[in-house]
Amino acid sequence: MRNAVVGAMSIFSGLVLSGCVTATNADKTVEMRVGETKHLTAYRGNSCSAGAPSYADIVGRLPKSSIVNYSDGGLSSRVSRDCGKRVPTRAVNGTAIATGSEGHRYQSGTVAIVVK
């Protein structure tokens, strides 16, 4: 029994250290149903004084997903931890295309996506 517990803890530690994002350790969780579109995150420019980037500028930086299709959410703003103030951003939406769950790192932090 002790070996099973130690083994499970090793696997869990490995997932945490490897950067695995789950609903329990993500900065936020977004739940949706197939066909539904919701705001996922927002990207700021490359400097704290830059304007909001275009969607074309950030689409290549978005992680691959098998459960959502990304789309442009338009201009927005958020408080940036790196900048220490509210900055202009480009919102990113996700439209659910399949059930499942994924965790991703975005510029603004980690997001767990759950599609039911």
N, C-alpha and C. Protein backbone atom coordinates (compact mmCIF):
# COMPACT_ATOMS: atom_id res chain seq x y z
N MET A 1 0.83 -1.20 0.00
CA MET A 1 0.00 0.00 0.00
C MET A 1 0.87 1.26 0.00
N ARG A 2 1.93 1.22 0.82
CA ARG A 2 2.81 2.38 0.90
C ARG A 2 3.43 2.69 -0.46
N ASN A 3 3.84 1.65 -1.20
CA ASN A 3 4.43 1.85 -2.53
C ASN A 3 3.44 2.49 -3.49
N ALA A 4 2.16 2.10 -3.39
CA ALA A 4 1.13 2.69 -4.25
C ALA A 4 0.96 4.18 -3.95
N VAL A 5 0.98 4.55 -2.68
CA VAL A 5 0.84 5.96 -2.29
C VAL A 5 2.04 6.75 -2.77
N VAL A 6 3.25 6.22 -2.54
CA VAL A 6 4.46 6.90 -2.98
C VAL A 6 4.47 7.05 -4.49
N GLY A 7 4.05 6.00 -5.21
CA GLY A 7 3.98 6.07 -6.67
C GLY A 7 3.00 7.12 -7.15
N ALA A 8 1.83 7.17 -6.53
CA ALA A 8 0.82 8.15 -6.91
C ALA A 8 1.32 9.57 -6.64
N MET A 9 2.00 9.76 -5.52
CA MET A 9 2.55 11.08 -5.20
C MET A 9 3.63 11.47 -6.19
N SER A 10 4.42 10.54 -6.63
CA SER A 10 5.47 10.81 -7.62
C SER A 10 4.85 11.26 -8.94
N ILE A 11 3.81 10.55 -9.37
CA ILE A 11 3.13 10.92 -10.61
C ILE A 11 2.52 12.31 -10.48
N PHE A 12 1.82 12.56 -9.35
CA PHE A 12 1.20 13.87 -9.12
C PHE A 12 2.26 14.96 -9.11
N SER A 13 3.37 14.75 -8.42
CA SER A 13 4.44 15.74 -8.36
C SER A 13 5.00 16.01 -9.75
N GLY A 14 5.16 14.94 -10.53
CA GLY A 14 5.66 15.11 -11.89
C GLY A 14 4.73 15.95 -12.75
N LEU A 15 3.43 15.74 -12.62
CA LEU A 15 2.47 16.54 -13.39
C LEU A 15 2.51 17.99 -12.98
N VAL A 16 2.60 18.25 -11.68
CA VAL A 16 2.65 19.64 -11.20
C VAL A 16 3.93 20.31 -11.67
N LEU A 17 5.05 19.62 -11.55
CA LEU A 17 6.32 20.21 -11.94
C LEU A 17 6.44 20.38 -13.45
N SER A 18 5.76 19.53 -14.22
CA SER A 18 5.84 19.63 -15.67
C SER A 18 4.94 20.73 -16.22
N GLY A 19 4.17 21.38 -15.37
CA GLY A 19 3.33 22.48 -15.82
C GLY A 19 1.95 22.04 -16.28
N CYS A 20 1.51 20.86 -15.91
CA CYS A 20 0.19 20.37 -16.29
C CYS A 20 -0.87 21.25 -15.64
N VAL A 21 -1.74 21.82 -16.45
CA VAL A 21 -2.79 22.70 -15.95
C VAL A 21 -4.07 21.90 -15.84
N THR A 22 -4.67 21.91 -14.65
CA THR A 22 -5.93 21.22 -14.41
C THR A 22 -6.93 22.21 -13.82
N ALA A 23 -8.18 21.78 -13.71
CA ALA A 23 -9.22 22.64 -13.13
C ALA A 23 -8.90 23.00 -11.69
N THR A 24 -8.14 22.18 -11.00
CA THR A 24 -7.85 22.47 -9.59
C THR A 24 -6.66 23.40 -9.40
N ASN A 25 -5.78 23.53 -10.40
CA ASN A 25 -4.65 24.43 -10.20
C ASN A 25 -4.60 25.59 -11.20
N ALA A 26 -5.59 25.72 -12.04
CA ALA A 26 -5.63 26.81 -13.01
C ALA A 26 -6.03 28.12 -12.34
N ASP A 27 -5.61 29.23 -12.95
CA ASP A 27 -6.02 30.54 -12.46
C ASP A 27 -7.52 30.74 -12.59
N LYS A 28 -8.09 30.18 -13.65
CA LYS A 28 -9.55 30.23 -13.82
C LYS A 28 -10.00 29.03 -14.62
N THR A 29 -11.28 28.69 -14.46
CA THR A 29 -11.89 27.59 -15.20
C THR A 29 -13.07 28.14 -15.99
N VAL A 30 -13.14 27.78 -17.26
CA VAL A 30 -14.25 28.18 -18.12
C VAL A 30 -15.00 26.91 -18.50
N GLU A 31 -16.28 26.85 -18.14
CA GLU A 31 -17.12 25.72 -18.50
C GLU A 31 -18.10 26.14 -19.59
N MET A 32 -18.31 25.26 -20.57
CA MET A 32 -19.25 25.57 -21.65
C MET A 32 -19.78 24.28 -22.26
N ARG A 33 -20.76 24.44 -23.11
CA ARG A 33 -21.34 23.31 -23.82
C ARG A 33 -20.93 23.41 -25.30
N VAL A 34 -20.95 22.28 -26.00
CA VAL A 34 -20.61 22.27 -27.42
C VAL A 34 -21.47 23.30 -28.15
N GLY A 35 -20.83 24.11 -28.97
CA GLY A 35 -21.51 25.17 -29.72
C GLY A 35 -21.50 26.52 -29.03
N GLU A 36 -21.21 26.55 -27.74
CA GLU A 36 -21.20 27.79 -26.97
C GLU A 36 -19.85 28.49 -27.11
N THR A 37 -19.89 29.83 -27.14
CA THR A 37 -18.68 30.65 -27.22
C THR A 37 -18.54 31.46 -25.95
N LYS A 38 -17.33 31.46 -25.39
CA LYS A 38 -17.05 32.24 -24.17
C LYS A 38 -15.67 32.87 -24.26
N HIS A 39 -15.51 33.96 -23.50
CA HIS A 39 -14.21 34.62 -23.37
C HIS A 39 -13.25 33.70 -22.62
N LEU A 40 -12.04 33.53 -23.14
CA LEU A 40 -11.05 32.68 -22.49
C LEU A 40 -9.92 33.48 -21.85
N THR A 41 -9.38 34.45 -22.58
CA THR A 41 -8.21 35.17 -22.11
C THR A 41 -8.06 36.47 -22.89
N ALA A 42 -6.99 37.20 -22.61
CA ALA A 42 -6.69 38.43 -23.34
C ALA A 42 -5.18 38.63 -23.38
N TYR A 43 -4.68 39.07 -24.51
CA TYR A 43 -3.24 39.30 -24.71
C TYR A 43 -2.96 40.79 -24.82
N ARG A 44 -1.90 41.23 -24.15
CA ARG A 44 -1.45 42.62 -24.26
C ARG A 44 -0.32 42.69 -25.28
N GLY A 45 0.09 43.91 -25.60
CA GLY A 45 1.22 44.10 -26.51
C GLY A 45 2.51 43.65 -25.85
N ASN A 46 3.60 43.72 -26.60
CA ASN A 46 4.89 43.23 -26.10
C ASN A 46 5.53 44.12 -25.05
N SER A 47 5.05 45.33 -24.87
CA SER A 47 5.54 46.17 -23.79
C SER A 47 4.34 46.74 -23.04
N CYS A 48 4.60 47.22 -21.85
CA CYS A 48 3.50 47.73 -21.02
C CYS A 48 2.88 49.00 -21.58
N SER A 49 3.60 49.69 -22.45
CA SER A 49 3.06 50.93 -23.02
C SER A 49 2.49 50.72 -24.43
N ALA A 50 2.56 49.49 -24.94
CA ALA A 50 2.05 49.20 -26.29
C ALA A 50 0.53 49.14 -26.30
N GLY A 51 -0.02 49.41 -27.46
CA GLY A 51 -1.46 49.25 -27.65
C GLY A 51 -1.82 47.78 -27.74
N ALA A 52 -3.09 47.51 -27.84
CA ALA A 52 -3.56 46.12 -27.97
C ALA A 52 -3.07 45.53 -29.29
N PRO A 53 -2.62 44.29 -29.26
CA PRO A 53 -2.20 43.65 -30.52
C PRO A 53 -3.40 43.29 -31.39
N SER A 54 -3.15 43.04 -32.66
CA SER A 54 -4.21 42.55 -33.53
C SER A 54 -4.36 41.05 -33.27
N TYR A 55 -5.50 40.51 -33.69
CA TYR A 55 -5.70 39.06 -33.54
C TYR A 55 -4.66 38.30 -34.37
N ALA A 56 -4.33 38.81 -35.55
CA ALA A 56 -3.32 38.17 -36.40
C ALA A 56 -1.96 38.09 -35.69
N ASP A 57 -1.66 39.08 -34.85
CA ASP A 57 -0.39 39.10 -34.12
C ASP A 57 -0.32 38.02 -33.05
N ILE A 58 -1.45 37.59 -32.51
CA ILE A 58 -1.41 36.64 -31.39
C ILE A 58 -1.89 35.23 -31.73
N VAL A 59 -2.57 35.05 -32.84
CA VAL A 59 -3.16 33.74 -33.14
C VAL A 59 -2.11 32.64 -33.17
N GLY A 60 -0.91 32.92 -33.63
CA GLY A 60 0.16 31.93 -33.67
C GLY A 60 0.72 31.58 -32.30
N ARG A 61 0.41 32.39 -31.29
CA ARG A 61 0.89 32.14 -29.93
C ARG A 61 -0.12 31.35 -29.09
N LEU A 62 -1.31 31.12 -29.64
CA LEU A 62 -2.34 30.39 -28.89
C LEU A 62 -2.03 28.90 -28.91
N PRO A 63 -2.19 28.22 -27.76
CA PRO A 63 -1.92 26.77 -27.73
C PRO A 63 -2.94 25.99 -28.56
N LYS A 64 -2.51 24.88 -29.09
CA LYS A 64 -3.42 24.01 -29.85
C LYS A 64 -4.50 23.46 -28.93
N SER A 65 -5.70 23.30 -29.47
CA SER A 65 -6.81 22.75 -28.70
C SER A 65 -7.63 21.81 -29.57
N SER A 66 -8.09 20.73 -28.95
CA SER A 66 -8.97 19.81 -29.69
C SER A 66 -10.43 19.96 -29.26
N ILE A 67 -10.69 20.86 -28.31
CA ILE A 67 -12.07 21.02 -27.84
C ILE A 67 -12.65 22.41 -28.08
N VAL A 68 -11.82 23.39 -28.44
CA VAL A 68 -12.33 24.73 -28.77
C VAL A 68 -11.65 25.26 -30.02
N ASN A 69 -12.38 26.08 -30.77
CA ASN A 69 -11.82 26.89 -31.84
C ASN A 69 -11.71 28.31 -31.31
N TYR A 70 -10.54 28.92 -31.47
CA TYR A 70 -10.32 30.29 -31.00
C TYR A 70 -10.89 31.29 -32.00
N SER A 71 -11.25 32.47 -31.49
CA SER A 71 -11.70 33.56 -32.35
C SER A 71 -11.38 34.89 -31.67
N ASP A 72 -11.41 35.95 -32.48
CA ASP A 72 -11.12 37.29 -32.01
C ASP A 72 -12.27 37.79 -31.13
N GLY A 73 -11.95 38.19 -29.92
CA GLY A 73 -12.96 38.73 -29.01
C GLY A 73 -13.01 40.25 -29.01
N GLY A 74 -12.18 40.88 -29.84
CA GLY A 74 -12.18 42.33 -29.93
C GLY A 74 -11.26 42.98 -28.91
N LEU A 75 -11.33 44.30 -28.86
CA LEU A 75 -10.51 45.07 -27.94
C LEU A 75 -11.05 44.95 -26.52
N SER A 76 -10.15 44.89 -25.56
CA SER A 76 -10.53 44.81 -24.15
C SER A 76 -9.38 45.37 -23.32
N SER A 77 -9.43 45.15 -22.03
CA SER A 77 -8.33 45.54 -21.15
C SER A 77 -8.31 44.61 -19.96
N ARG A 78 -7.16 44.52 -19.31
CA ARG A 78 -7.03 43.72 -18.09
C ARG A 78 -5.90 44.30 -17.27
N VAL A 79 -5.88 43.95 -16.00
CA VAL A 79 -4.77 44.33 -15.14
C VAL A 79 -3.66 43.31 -15.37
N SER A 80 -2.52 43.78 -15.80
CA SER A 80 -1.38 42.92 -16.07
C SER A 80 -0.52 42.79 -14.82
N ARG A 81 -0.22 41.54 -14.44
CA ARG A 81 0.68 41.33 -13.29
C ARG A 81 2.07 41.87 -13.61
N ASP A 82 2.53 41.66 -14.85
CA ASP A 82 3.87 42.11 -15.23
C ASP A 82 3.98 43.63 -15.25
N CYS A 83 2.93 44.29 -15.72
CA CYS A 83 2.96 45.75 -15.83
C CYS A 83 2.49 46.46 -14.56
N GLY A 84 1.72 45.77 -13.74
CA GLY A 84 1.22 46.38 -12.50
C GLY A 84 0.14 47.42 -12.72
N LYS A 85 -0.53 47.35 -13.86
CA LYS A 85 -1.59 48.31 -14.16
C LYS A 85 -2.50 47.74 -15.24
N ARG A 86 -3.62 48.43 -15.48
CA ARG A 86 -4.55 48.03 -16.53
C ARG A 86 -3.94 48.40 -17.88
N VAL A 87 -3.98 47.46 -18.81
CA VAL A 87 -3.40 47.65 -20.14
C VAL A 87 -4.42 47.26 -21.21
N PRO A 88 -4.29 47.85 -22.40
CA PRO A 88 -5.18 47.46 -23.50
C PRO A 88 -4.81 46.06 -23.99
N THR A 89 -5.82 45.28 -24.35
CA THR A 89 -5.58 43.90 -24.76
C THR A 89 -6.48 43.52 -25.93
N ARG A 90 -6.18 42.35 -26.48
CA ARG A 90 -7.01 41.71 -27.49
C ARG A 90 -7.65 40.50 -26.82
N ALA A 91 -8.97 40.49 -26.74
CA ALA A 91 -9.69 39.36 -26.12
C ALA A 91 -9.66 38.16 -27.06
N VAL A 92 -9.63 36.97 -26.46
CA VAL A 92 -9.66 35.73 -27.22
C VAL A 92 -10.85 34.91 -26.71
N ASN A 93 -11.72 34.54 -27.64
CA ASN A 93 -12.87 33.70 -27.31
C ASN A 93 -12.60 32.28 -27.75
N GLY A 94 -13.35 31.36 -27.17
CA GLY A 94 -13.29 29.97 -27.59
C GLY A 94 -14.70 29.46 -27.84
N THR A 95 -14.89 28.76 -28.95
CA THR A 95 -16.16 28.11 -29.25
C THR A 95 -15.95 26.61 -29.08
N ALA A 96 -16.75 26.00 -28.20
CA ALA A 96 -16.61 24.58 -27.90
C ALA A 96 -17.02 23.73 -29.10
N ILE A 97 -16.12 22.80 -29.48
CA ILE A 97 -16.39 21.94 -30.64
C ILE A 97 -16.45 20.46 -30.27
N ALA A 98 -16.02 20.11 -29.05
CA ALA A 98 -16.04 18.71 -28.61
C ALA A 98 -16.02 18.66 -27.10
N THR A 99 -16.62 17.63 -26.52
CA THR A 99 -16.59 17.50 -25.07
C THR A 99 -15.18 17.09 -24.61
N GLY A 100 -14.87 17.46 -23.39
CA GLY A 100 -13.58 17.13 -22.81
C GLY A 100 -13.07 18.27 -21.94
N SER A 101 -11.84 18.14 -21.50
CA SER A 101 -11.23 19.20 -20.70
C SER A 101 -9.77 19.33 -21.08
N GLU A 102 -9.29 20.55 -21.04
CA GLU A 102 -7.90 20.87 -21.34
C GLU A 102 -7.46 22.01 -20.44
N GLY A 103 -6.19 22.08 -20.18
CA GLY A 103 -5.62 23.21 -19.47
C GLY A 103 -4.53 23.82 -20.31
N HIS A 104 -4.51 25.15 -20.36
CA HIS A 104 -3.53 25.85 -21.20
C HIS A 104 -2.93 27.04 -20.47
N ARG A 105 -1.70 27.36 -20.85
CA ARG A 105 -1.04 28.58 -20.38
C ARG A 105 -1.20 29.63 -21.47
N TYR A 106 -1.74 30.77 -21.07
CA TYR A 106 -1.86 31.91 -21.95
C TYR A 106 -1.03 33.04 -21.35
N GLN A 107 -0.92 34.15 -22.04
CA GLN A 107 -0.14 35.26 -21.52
C GLN A 107 -0.66 35.74 -20.17
N SER A 108 -1.96 35.73 -20.00
CA SER A 108 -2.56 36.25 -18.76
C SER A 108 -2.56 35.23 -17.62
N GLY A 109 -2.21 33.98 -17.87
CA GLY A 109 -2.21 32.95 -16.83
C GLY A 109 -2.75 31.64 -17.36
N THR A 110 -3.10 30.76 -16.45
CA THR A 110 -3.57 29.43 -16.83
C THR A 110 -5.09 29.37 -16.82
N VAL A 111 -5.63 28.63 -17.78
CA VAL A 111 -7.07 28.48 -17.92
C VAL A 111 -7.39 27.00 -18.14
N ALA A 112 -8.29 26.49 -17.34
CA ALA A 112 -8.84 25.15 -17.56
C ALA A 112 -10.14 25.32 -18.34
N ILE A 113 -10.27 24.58 -19.43
CA ILE A 113 -11.47 24.64 -20.27
C ILE A 113 -12.19 23.31 -20.13
N VAL A 114 -13.46 23.35 -19.74
CA VAL A 114 -14.26 22.15 -19.57
C VAL A 114 -15.48 22.27 -20.49
N VAL A 115 -15.59 21.33 -21.43
CA VAL A 115 -16.73 21.32 -22.35
C VAL A 115 -17.57 20.10 -22.04
N LYS A 116 -18.85 20.36 -21.73
CA LYS A 116 -19.78 19.28 -21.35
C LYS A 116 -20.70 18.95 -22.51
